[in-house]
Amino acid sequence: MPNPTALMIVGALLFAIGVVGFLTRRNMIVMFLSTEVMFQGVLMNLVGMGLLHGNIQGQGLGIFVLVIAAVEAGLGLAIVVMLYRRRGTLDAENWRSLRG
């Protein structure tokens, strides 16, 4: 049985890496991948908390987070492909002109 504290530490590190990747990169694909890493960090923390408290609610909520991450990845990729076809670049700075 894995150590819940170790799972939560790894989850916090994954979340921190995702936040740094999202805030420092300008490429939209890397930004979406960073949000996926943040989701995985949250998932590991949910599983660790479930193990720590001895119930299955953390794993159940973790499955829900996985479904949300899959939907977000599909929609995000579709939006990135559509905007890439329109602008020809993945640089987030060039997309600021799309604001109303």
C-alpha atoms as a PDB file:
ATOM      1  CA  MET A   1       0.000   0.000   0.000  1.00  0.00           C
ATOM      2  CA  PRO A   2       1.477   3.383  -1.009  1.00  0.00           C
ATOM      3  CA  ASN A   3       2.296   6.000   1.567  1.00  0.00           C
ATOM      4  CA  PRO A   4      -0.403   8.743   1.465  1.00  0.00           C
ATOM      5  CA  THR A   5       2.066  11.447   2.438  1.00  0.00           C
ATOM      6  CA  ALA A   6       4.376  10.536  -0.429  1.00  0.00           C
ATOM      7  CA  LEU A   7       1.457  10.607  -2.864  1.00  0.00           C
ATOM      8  CA  MET A   8       0.445  14.062  -1.669  1.00  0.00           C
ATOM      9  CA  ILE A   9       4.011  15.377  -1.953  1.00  0.00           C
ATOM     10  CA  VAL A  10       4.316  14.068  -5.512  1.00  0.00           C
ATOM     11  CA  GLY A  11       0.888  15.530  -6.301  1.00  0.00           C
ATOM     12  CA  ALA A  12       1.914  18.930  -4.957  1.00  0.00           C
ATOM     13  CA  LEU A  13       5.123  18.809  -7.027  1.00  0.00           C
ATOM     14  CA  LEU A  14       3.174  17.916 -10.166  1.00  0.00           C
ATOM     15  CA  PHE A  15       0.763  20.771  -9.544  1.00  0.00           C
ATOM     16  CA  ALA A  16       3.640  23.224  -8.987  1.00  0.00           C
ATOM     17  CA  ILE A  17       5.377  22.075 -12.191  1.00  0.00           C
ATOM     18  CA  GLY A  18       2.110  22.566 -14.080  1.00  0.00           C
ATOM     19  CA  VAL A  19       1.634  26.076 -12.706  1.00  0.00           C
ATOM     20  CA  VAL A  20       5.203  27.065 -13.609  1.00  0.00           C
ATOM     21  CA  GLY A  21       4.809  25.605 -17.094  1.00  0.00           C
ATOM     22  CA  PHE A  22       1.520  27.409 -17.641  1.00  0.00           C
ATOM     23  CA  LEU A  23       2.821  30.783 -16.467  1.00  0.00           C
ATOM     24  CA  THR A  24       6.193  30.729 -18.222  1.00  0.00           C
ATOM     25  CA  ARG A  25       5.416  29.321 -21.684  1.00  0.00           C
ATOM     26  CA  ARG A  26       3.819  31.139 -24.585  1.00  0.00           C
ATOM     27  CA  ASN A  27       3.080  28.084 -26.744  1.00  0.00           C
ATOM     28  CA  MET A  28      -0.575  27.100 -26.397  1.00  0.00           C
ATOM     29  CA  ILE A  29       0.097  23.347 -26.671  1.00  0.00           C
ATOM     30  CA  VAL A  30       2.535  23.532 -23.748  1.00  0.00           C
ATOM     31  CA  MET A  31       0.012  25.587 -21.780  1.00  0.00           C
ATOM     32  CA  PHE A  32      -2.660  22.929 -22.269  1.00  0.00           C
ATOM     33  CA  LEU A  33      -0.220  20.175 -21.339  1.00  0.00           C
ATOM     34  CA  SER A  34       0.627  22.112 -18.194  1.00  0.00           C
ATOM     35  CA  THR A  35      -3.045  22.184 -17.219  1.00  0.00           C
ATOM     36  CA  GLU A  36      -3.133  18.408 -17.673  1.00  0.00           C
ATOM     37  CA  VAL A  37      -0.139  18.066 -15.342  1.00  0.00           C
ATOM     38  CA  MET A  38      -1.989  20.219 -12.797  1.00  0.00           C
ATOM     39  CA  PHE A  39      -5.029  17.940 -13.079  1.00  0.00           C
ATOM     40  CA  GLN A  40      -2.837  14.896 -12.464  1.00  0.00           C
ATOM     41  CA  GLY A  41      -1.359  16.554  -9.380  1.00  0.00           C
ATOM     42  CA  VAL A  42      -4.846  17.183  -8.017  1.00  0.00           C
ATOM     43  CA  LEU A  43      -5.760  13.568  -8.790  1.00  0.00           C
ATOM     44  CA  MET A  44      -2.785  12.257  -6.829  1.00  0.00           C
ATOM     45  CA  ASN A  45      -3.709  14.481  -3.877  1.00  0.00           C
ATOM     46  CA  LEU A  46      -7.293  13.201  -3.955  1.00  0.00           C
ATOM     47  CA  VAL A  47      -6.125   9.594  -3.947  1.00  0.00           C
ATOM     48  CA  GLY A  48      -3.632  10.332  -1.162  1.00  0.00           C
ATOM     49  CA  MET A  49      -6.311  11.981   0.975  1.00  0.00           C
ATOM     50  CA  GLY A  50      -8.619   9.023   0.376  1.00  0.00           C
ATOM     51  CA  LEU A  51      -5.919   6.636   1.522  1.00  0.00           C
ATOM     52  CA  LEU A  52      -5.084   8.814   4.507  1.00  0.00           C
ATOM     53  CA  HIS A  53      -8.676   8.858   5.734  1.00  0.00           C
ATOM     54  CA  GLY A  54      -9.370   5.236   4.827  1.00  0.00           C
ATOM     55  CA  ASN A  55     -12.332   5.828   2.510  1.00  0.00           C
ATOM     56  CA  ILE A  56     -12.978   5.476  -1.193  1.00  0.00           C
ATOM     57  CA  GLN A  57     -14.379   8.966  -1.784  1.00  0.00           C
ATOM     58  CA  GLY A  58     -10.983  10.284  -2.881  1.00  0.00           C
ATOM     59  CA  GLN A  59     -10.722   7.644  -5.594  1.00  0.00           C
ATOM     60  CA  GLY A  60     -14.284   8.335  -6.744  1.00  0.00           C
ATOM     61  CA  LEU A  61     -13.619  12.049  -7.011  1.00  0.00           C
ATOM     62  CA  GLY A  62     -10.350  11.204  -8.759  1.00  0.00           C
ATOM     63  CA  ILE A  63     -12.249   9.353 -11.493  1.00  0.00           C
ATOM     64  CA  PHE A  64     -14.432  12.445 -11.900  1.00  0.00           C
ATOM     65  CA  VAL A  65     -11.310  14.627 -12.250  1.00  0.00           C
ATOM     66  CA  LEU A  66      -9.951  12.243 -14.900  1.00  0.00           C
ATOM     67  CA  VAL A  67     -13.156  12.591 -16.920  1.00  0.00           C
ATOM     68  CA  ILE A  68     -13.037  16.384 -16.647  1.00  0.00           C
ATOM     69  CA  ALA A  69      -9.376  16.377 -17.737  1.00  0.00           C
ATOM     70  CA  ALA A  70     -10.183  14.230 -20.776  1.00  0.00           C
ATOM     71  CA  VAL A  71     -13.013  16.532 -21.833  1.00  0.00           C
ATOM     72  CA  GLU A  72     -10.831  19.601 -21.293  1.00  0.00           C
ATOM     73  CA  ALA A  73      -8.047  18.096 -23.375  1.00  0.00           C
ATOM     74  CA  GLY A  74     -10.369  17.292 -26.261  1.00  0.00           C
ATOM     75  CA  LEU A  75     -12.020  20.712 -26.316  1.00  0.00           C
ATOM     76  CA  GLY A  76      -8.747  22.548 -25.788  1.00  0.00           C
ATOM     77  CA  LEU A  77      -7.049  20.702 -28.625  1.00  0.00           C
ATOM     78  CA  ALA A  78      -9.981  21.426 -30.944  1.00  0.00           C
ATOM     79  CA  ILE A  79      -9.805  25.134 -30.099  1.00  0.00           C
ATOM     80  CA  VAL A  80      -6.030  25.223 -30.597  1.00  0.00           C
ATOM     81  CA  VAL A  81      -6.289  23.505 -33.989  1.00  0.00           C
ATOM     82  CA  MET A  82      -9.039  25.898 -35.090  1.00  0.00           C
ATOM     83  CA  LEU A  83      -7.072  28.984 -34.035  1.00  0.00           C
ATOM     84  CA  TYR A  84      -3.856  27.618 -35.559  1.00  0.00           C
ATOM     85  CA  ARG A  85      -5.602  27.260 -38.892  1.00  0.00           C
ATOM     86  CA  ARG A  86      -6.873  30.823 -38.603  1.00  0.00           C
ATOM     87  CA  ARG A  87      -3.623  32.512 -37.421  1.00  0.00           C
ATOM     88  CA  GLY A  88      -0.887  30.080 -38.466  1.00  0.00           C
ATOM     89  CA  THR A  89       0.909  30.285 -35.117  1.00  0.00           C
ATOM     90  CA  LEU A  90       0.699  28.813 -31.622  1.00  0.00           C
ATOM     91  CA  ASP A  91       2.119  31.884 -29.874  1.00  0.00           C
ATOM     92  CA  ALA A  92      -0.325  33.114 -27.220  1.00  0.00           C
ATOM     93  CA  GLU A  93       0.786  36.736 -27.661  1.00  0.00           C
ATOM     94  CA  ASN A  94      -0.454  36.769 -31.253  1.00  0.00           C
ATOM     95  CA  TRP A  95      -3.907  35.656 -30.124  1.00  0.00           C
ATOM     96  CA  ARG A  96      -4.473  38.629 -27.823  1.00  0.00           C
ATOM     97  CA  SER A  97      -5.940  40.568 -30.752  1.00  0.00           C
ATOM     98  CA  LEU A  98      -8.960  38.208 -30.660  1.00  0.00           C
ATOM     99  CA  ARG A  99     -10.244  39.969 -27.530  1.00  0.00           C
ATOM    100  CA  GLY A 100     -13.412  42.024 -27.955  1.00  0.00           C
END
